[in-house]
Amino acid sequence: MDHLCPTWGLRVEAEGRVFAFTGDTGPSDGITKLAEGADVLLSEASWLDFPDQPTGMHLSGKQAGAAAASAGARRLLLTHYSPWTDQDALAQEARDAFDGPVEVVHAGTTYTI
């Protein structure tokens, strides 16, 4: 992953299903490798896309969607967003870049992989 300090992504394969989690990262080819063909990609998306975003930190909704599309993931869940971020806009950015289902994760919700 591409972050200011060392961070790791996680890929879990079990019973024919694949779950991938980006951890903190900016755009990176590592996300594509991590999430290749994943049933679910849980991606951080800390902010809405904006010009001159800092590099090596976090993804926008648009960048998370592009990463999911590049990896061929089947479903995208967005997490690690700021509480003041417009969650609908964040999800729409991801949908604009990714054709699969997109959801913003909320505390206490469970997801089936």
Protein backbone atom coordinates (compact mmCIF):
# COMPACT_ATOMS: atom_id res chain seq x y z
CA MET A 1 0.00 0.00 0.00
CA ASP A 2 1.06 3.61 -0.47
CA HIS A 3 0.92 5.55 2.81
CA LEU A 4 3.07 7.88 4.86
CA CYS A 5 4.05 5.04 7.15
CA PRO A 6 4.03 1.29 6.52
CA THR A 7 0.54 -0.11 6.03
CA TRP A 8 -0.67 -3.42 4.71
CA GLY A 9 -3.61 -4.67 2.74
CA LEU A 10 -5.26 -7.95 3.56
CA ARG A 11 -6.58 -10.70 1.29
CA VAL A 12 -8.51 -13.63 2.69
CA GLU A 13 -9.55 -16.61 0.56
CA ALA A 14 -11.88 -19.24 2.02
CA GLU A 15 -14.48 -21.61 0.65
CA GLY A 16 -14.09 -20.22 -2.85
CA ARG A 17 -14.69 -16.59 -1.81
CA VAL A 18 -12.23 -13.70 -1.67
CA PHE A 19 -12.28 -10.69 0.65
CA ALA A 20 -9.73 -7.88 0.23
CA PHE A 21 -9.11 -4.84 2.47
CA THR A 22 -6.90 -1.96 1.42
CA GLY A 23 -5.89 -0.51 4.74
CA ASP A 24 -4.73 3.12 4.50
CA THR A 25 -3.37 3.84 1.04
CA GLY A 26 -3.21 6.25 -1.81
CA PRO A 27 -3.63 4.96 -5.35
CA SER A 28 -1.34 1.98 -5.87
CA ASP A 29 -0.85 -0.95 -8.24
CA GLY A 30 -0.74 -3.01 -5.07
CA ILE A 31 -4.51 -2.58 -4.67
CA THR A 32 -5.10 -4.21 -8.06
CA LYS A 33 -2.94 -7.19 -7.08
CA LEU A 34 -4.53 -7.41 -3.64
CA ALA A 35 -8.12 -7.28 -4.85
CA GLU A 36 -7.82 -9.16 -8.15
CA GLY A 37 -11.12 -10.97 -8.70
CA ALA A 38 -12.26 -10.32 -5.11
CA ASP A 39 -15.88 -10.94 -4.24
CA VAL A 40 -15.71 -7.98 -1.87
CA LEU A 41 -13.21 -5.13 -1.71
CA LEU A 42 -13.38 -3.15 1.53
CA SER A 43 -11.60 0.05 0.60
CA GLU A 44 -10.76 3.10 2.57
CA ALA A 45 -12.14 6.25 0.92
CA SER A 46 -11.24 9.11 3.19
CA TRP A 47 -12.47 12.02 1.11
CA LEU A 48 -14.20 13.23 -2.01
CA ASP A 49 -12.03 13.64 -5.09
CA PHE A 50 -10.38 17.06 -5.38
CA PRO A 51 -7.58 18.63 -7.40
CA ASP A 52 -4.05 18.29 -6.05
CA GLN A 53 -4.89 15.59 -3.51
CA PRO A 54 -1.91 14.70 -1.35
CA THR A 55 -0.19 11.55 -2.53
CA GLY A 56 0.66 8.50 -0.47
CA MET A 57 -2.14 8.96 2.03
CA HIS A 58 -5.72 8.02 1.22
CA LEU A 59 -8.19 7.33 -1.58
CA SER A 60 -11.14 9.37 -2.75
CA GLY A 61 -14.40 7.63 -3.60
CA LYS A 62 -13.49 7.97 -7.27
CA GLN A 63 -10.07 6.38 -6.73
CA ALA A 64 -11.56 3.53 -4.69
CA GLY A 65 -14.04 2.86 -7.49
CA ALA A 66 -11.27 2.91 -10.09
CA ALA A 67 -9.20 0.48 -8.00
CA ALA A 68 -12.17 -1.91 -7.68
CA ALA A 69 -12.77 -1.73 -11.43
CA SER A 70 -9.10 -2.31 -12.23
CA ALA A 71 -9.00 -5.33 -9.92
CA GLY A 72 -12.18 -6.84 -11.31
CA ALA A 73 -13.78 -6.87 -7.85
CA ARG A 74 -17.45 -7.80 -7.72
CA ARG A 75 -18.56 -5.52 -4.86
CA LEU A 76 -17.09 -2.41 -3.23
CA LEU A 77 -17.58 -1.34 0.37
CA LEU A 78 -16.26 2.09 1.39
CA THR A 79 -14.88 2.75 4.85
CA HIS A 80 -12.50 5.09 6.73
CA TYR A 81 -14.30 8.23 5.57
CA SER A 82 -14.51 11.36 7.69
CA PRO A 83 -17.80 11.92 9.53
CA TRP A 84 -18.29 15.25 7.73
CA THR A 85 -17.90 13.66 4.29
CA ASP A 86 -21.06 13.54 2.18
CA GLN A 87 -21.55 9.77 2.10
CA ASP A 88 -23.95 9.87 -0.85
CA ALA A 89 -21.43 11.86 -2.90
CA LEU A 90 -18.64 9.49 -1.86
CA ALA A 91 -20.64 6.47 -3.03
CA GLN A 92 -21.60 8.23 -6.28
CA GLU A 93 -17.95 8.97 -7.06
CA ALA A 94 -17.19 5.28 -6.63
CA ARG A 95 -20.18 4.28 -8.79
CA ASP A 96 -19.01 6.62 -11.54
CA ALA A 97 -15.76 4.61 -11.73
CA PHE A 98 -17.05 1.10 -10.88
CA ASP A 99 -19.98 -0.78 -12.40
CA GLY A 100 -20.56 -3.15 -9.49
CA PRO A 101 -22.50 -2.61 -6.27
CA VAL A 102 -21.13 0.10 -3.97
CA GLU A 103 -22.05 0.71 -0.33
CA VAL A 104 -20.78 3.03 2.37
CA VAL A 105 -20.04 0.96 5.48
CA HIS A 106 -21.78 1.87 8.73
CA ALA A 107 -20.81 0.71 12.22
CA GLY A 108 -22.72 -2.33 13.41
CA THR A 109 -23.76 -3.49 9.95
CA THR A 110 -22.79 -6.99 8.88
CA TYR A 111 -21.96 -8.02 5.33
CA THR A 112 -21.97 -11.44 3.75
CA ILE A 113 -19.06 -12.30 1.49
